[in-house]
Amino acid sequence: MAVTKSPEQRAWDIAATVCDPEIPVLTVADLGILRNVELLGTTTAADDAGTAPAVRVTITPTYSGCPAMDAIRDDLKTAFAAEGYPSVHVELVLSPAWTTDWMSEAGRAKLEEYGIAPPSGHSSAARHAGPIRLSLAVKCPQCSSLHTKELTRFGSTSCKALYVCQDCKEPFDYFKVL
């Protein structure tokens, strides 16, 4: 027997297909920035084919100045319009602040497959008071070596640092723990 999804789950699934424009192998759900999808009653579709609920999508940027938010907003609206939802409001919420702890395990695996070392450990926001955990090494996504070195704290985006593997000599991005 086929399982029928609720309208809310269908709406979430539509939003979850939108990819991050800076790391296109990650969806907004993988990245953990998709916070909520809410159906808000109905609105008449422009082609008079019926009615579709208005949608409010809540996302949290990886950091407050993230330039990808405009593209993600537009991509969300496009994804919903393609599925017959003409009225979509995308709301940016800064609190609580996004943390890499919100990334899915599937998203972390996709990062590594793409050649970006996923964040290791947990953010300080997720920890209780106590000893400070130190990250001693970042694993190379090419050869899995722990013999790596940070070249610069800021890589191709503010979320990433640039590393080089001392064994295979390949440079790679590391998605920082935030």
Protein backbone atom coordinates (compact mmCIF):
# COMPACT_ATOMS: atom_id res chain seq x y z
CA MET A 1 0.00 0.00 0.00
CA ALA A 2 1.35 3.43 -0.97
CA VAL A 3 1.88 5.96 1.77
CA THR A 4 0.20 9.29 1.09
CA LYS A 5 2.13 12.31 2.28
CA SER A 6 0.41 15.11 4.11
CA PRO A 7 0.29 18.49 2.34
CA GLU A 8 2.77 19.82 4.92
CA GLN A 9 5.23 16.96 4.24
CA ARG A 10 4.87 17.48 0.49
CA ALA A 11 5.64 21.19 0.93
CA TRP A 12 8.69 20.35 3.09
CA ASP A 13 9.89 17.90 0.43
CA ILE A 14 9.63 20.60 -2.26
CA ALA A 15 11.71 23.03 -0.19
CA ALA A 16 14.21 20.30 0.65
CA THR A 17 15.08 19.88 -3.04
CA VAL A 18 16.61 23.36 -3.29
CA CYS A 19 20.41 23.28 -3.46
CA ASP A 20 22.88 25.64 -1.88
CA PRO A 21 24.27 27.83 -4.73
CA GLU A 22 27.79 27.84 -3.25
CA ILE A 23 27.95 24.07 -2.64
CA PRO A 24 25.49 22.61 -5.16
CA VAL A 25 25.74 19.03 -3.86
CA LEU A 26 24.04 20.13 -0.63
CA THR A 27 20.35 20.89 -0.31
CA VAL A 28 19.11 23.48 2.15
CA ALA A 29 17.84 20.52 4.21
CA ASP A 30 21.29 18.82 4.15
CA LEU A 31 22.87 22.08 5.25
CA GLY A 32 20.35 22.47 8.07
CA ILE A 33 19.25 25.98 7.12
CA LEU A 34 15.69 24.88 6.26
CA ARG A 35 13.89 25.48 9.55
CA ASN A 36 10.17 25.35 8.79
CA VAL A 37 7.64 25.09 5.96
CA GLU A 38 4.11 26.20 6.74
CA LEU A 39 0.95 26.19 4.63
CA LEU A 40 -1.10 29.38 5.10
CA GLY A 41 -4.58 28.86 3.68
CA THR A 42 -5.31 29.18 -0.02
CA THR A 43 -4.75 31.61 -2.83
CA THR A 44 -6.15 31.45 -6.36
CA ALA A 45 -3.59 30.32 -8.89
CA ALA A 46 -2.92 32.72 -11.77
CA ASP A 47 -4.04 30.16 -14.36
CA ASP A 48 -7.36 29.52 -12.57
CA ALA A 49 -6.52 25.81 -12.37
CA GLY A 50 -7.62 25.78 -8.77
CA THR A 51 -6.31 26.92 -5.47
CA ALA A 52 -3.05 26.21 -3.76
CA PRO A 53 -2.10 27.14 -0.22
CA ALA A 54 0.22 30.03 0.31
CA VAL A 55 3.53 28.88 1.77
CA ARG A 56 5.88 30.39 4.33
CA VAL A 57 9.40 28.95 4.34
CA THR A 58 11.72 29.80 7.21
CA ILE A 59 15.47 29.58 6.67
CA THR A 60 18.45 30.49 8.83
CA PRO A 61 21.58 31.67 7.02
CA THR A 62 24.89 30.04 7.86
CA TYR A 63 26.01 33.52 8.90
CA SER A 64 24.23 36.85 8.92
CA GLY A 65 25.99 38.24 5.84
CA CYS A 66 25.68 35.13 3.68
CA PRO A 67 25.34 36.30 0.06
CA ALA A 68 23.64 33.06 -1.00
CA MET A 69 20.38 33.89 0.80
CA ASP A 70 18.94 35.89 -2.11
CA ALA A 71 19.62 33.05 -4.55
CA ILE A 72 18.18 30.48 -2.12
CA ARG A 73 15.04 32.61 -1.66
CA ASP A 74 14.57 32.86 -5.42
CA ASP A 75 15.22 29.13 -5.90
CA LEU A 76 12.66 28.27 -3.21
CA LYS A 77 10.05 30.42 -4.93
CA THR A 78 10.86 28.82 -8.29
CA ALA A 79 10.65 25.28 -6.85
CA PHE A 80 7.25 25.96 -5.30
CA ALA A 81 5.92 27.73 -8.42
CA ALA A 82 6.88 24.67 -10.51
CA GLU A 83 4.77 22.54 -8.16
CA GLY A 84 1.72 24.84 -8.33
CA TYR A 85 2.28 27.06 -5.29
CA PRO A 86 2.20 30.63 -6.62
CA SER A 87 2.39 32.42 -3.27
CA VAL A 88 5.59 31.82 -1.31
CA HIS A 89 7.05 33.98 1.43
CA VAL A 90 10.61 33.18 2.51
CA GLU A 91 11.52 34.42 5.97
CA LEU A 92 15.10 34.72 7.22
CA VAL A 93 15.49 34.00 10.92
CA LEU A 94 18.79 34.80 12.63
CA SER A 95 17.99 33.42 16.07
CA PRO A 96 18.93 30.87 17.08
CA ALA A 97 22.08 31.25 15.04
CA TRP A 98 22.85 28.43 12.61
CA THR A 99 25.47 25.92 13.67
CA THR A 100 27.17 23.11 11.78
CA ASP A 101 25.50 20.78 14.28
CA TRP A 102 22.33 21.29 12.18
CA MET A 103 23.93 19.66 9.11
CA SER A 104 22.60 16.21 8.29
CA GLU A 105 24.84 13.15 8.23
CA ALA A 106 23.92 12.79 4.54
CA GLY A 107 25.08 16.38 3.98
CA ARG A 108 28.40 15.71 5.70
CA ALA A 109 28.93 12.65 3.51
CA LYS A 110 28.05 14.66 0.37
CA LEU A 111 30.61 17.31 1.34
CA GLU A 112 33.35 14.71 1.66
CA GLU A 113 32.40 13.08 -1.66
CA TYR A 114 32.53 16.55 -3.27
CA GLY A 115 36.05 17.12 -1.95
CA ILE A 116 35.27 19.39 1.01
CA ALA A 117 36.21 18.12 4.44
CA PRO A 118 33.03 18.19 6.56
CA PRO A 119 33.01 19.89 9.95
CA SER A 120 34.41 17.70 12.68
CA GLY A 121 33.18 17.81 16.24
CA HIS A 122 30.39 19.97 17.56
CA SER A 123 30.02 23.72 17.86
CA SER A 124 30.53 25.43 21.18
CA ALA A 125 26.82 26.33 21.10
CA ALA A 126 25.97 22.65 21.49
CA ARG A 127 28.34 21.94 24.37
CA HIS A 128 27.91 22.45 28.05
CA ALA A 129 30.48 24.15 30.21
CA GLY A 130 33.55 22.03 30.66
CA PRO A 131 36.77 21.13 28.91
CA ILE A 132 37.44 22.71 25.55
CA ARG A 133 37.74 20.17 22.75
CA LEU A 134 40.65 20.70 20.42
CA SER A 135 40.61 19.62 16.82
CA LEU A 136 44.04 18.17 16.21
CA ALA A 137 43.70 17.31 12.54
CA VAL A 138 41.38 17.64 9.59
CA LYS A 139 41.05 14.51 7.45
CA CYS A 140 41.89 14.94 3.77
CA PRO A 141 38.79 14.19 1.65
CA GLN A 142 41.07 12.88 -1.15
CA CYS A 143 43.28 10.32 0.62
CA SER A 144 41.90 10.31 4.22
CA SER A 145 45.24 11.34 5.68
CA LEU A 146 45.27 13.26 8.95
CA HIS A 147 48.59 14.84 8.01
CA THR A 148 47.05 18.16 6.88
CA LYS A 149 47.80 21.82 7.40
CA GLU A 150 45.64 24.93 7.41
CA LEU A 151 46.80 27.41 4.75
CA THR A 152 44.29 30.14 5.48
CA ARG A 153 41.40 30.45 7.93
CA PHE A 154 39.10 31.72 5.17
CA GLY A 155 38.68 29.74 1.96
CA SER A 156 36.36 30.24 -0.99
CA THR A 157 33.58 31.31 1.41
CA SER A 158 33.60 32.50 5.01
CA CYS A 159 32.24 29.10 6.08
CA LYS A 160 35.33 27.29 4.84
CA ALA A 161 39.07 27.24 5.56
CA LEU A 162 41.72 26.25 3.01
CA TYR A 163 43.87 23.24 3.91
CA VAL A 164 46.53 21.20 2.14
CA CYS A 165 47.29 17.52 2.63
CA GLN A 166 50.94 16.89 3.46
CA ASP A 167 50.72 13.35 2.01
CA CYS A 168 48.89 13.67 -1.33
CA LYS A 169 49.74 17.41 -1.61
CA GLU A 170 46.17 18.27 -2.66
CA PRO A 171 44.57 21.49 -1.39
CA PHE A 172 41.00 21.22 -0.10
CA ASP A 173 38.31 23.23 1.61
CA TYR A 174 37.30 22.40 5.17
CA PHE A 175 33.78 23.36 6.24
CA LYS A 176 34.48 24.98 9.61
CA VAL A 177 32.66 24.07 12.80
CA LEU A 178 30.45 27.06 13.61
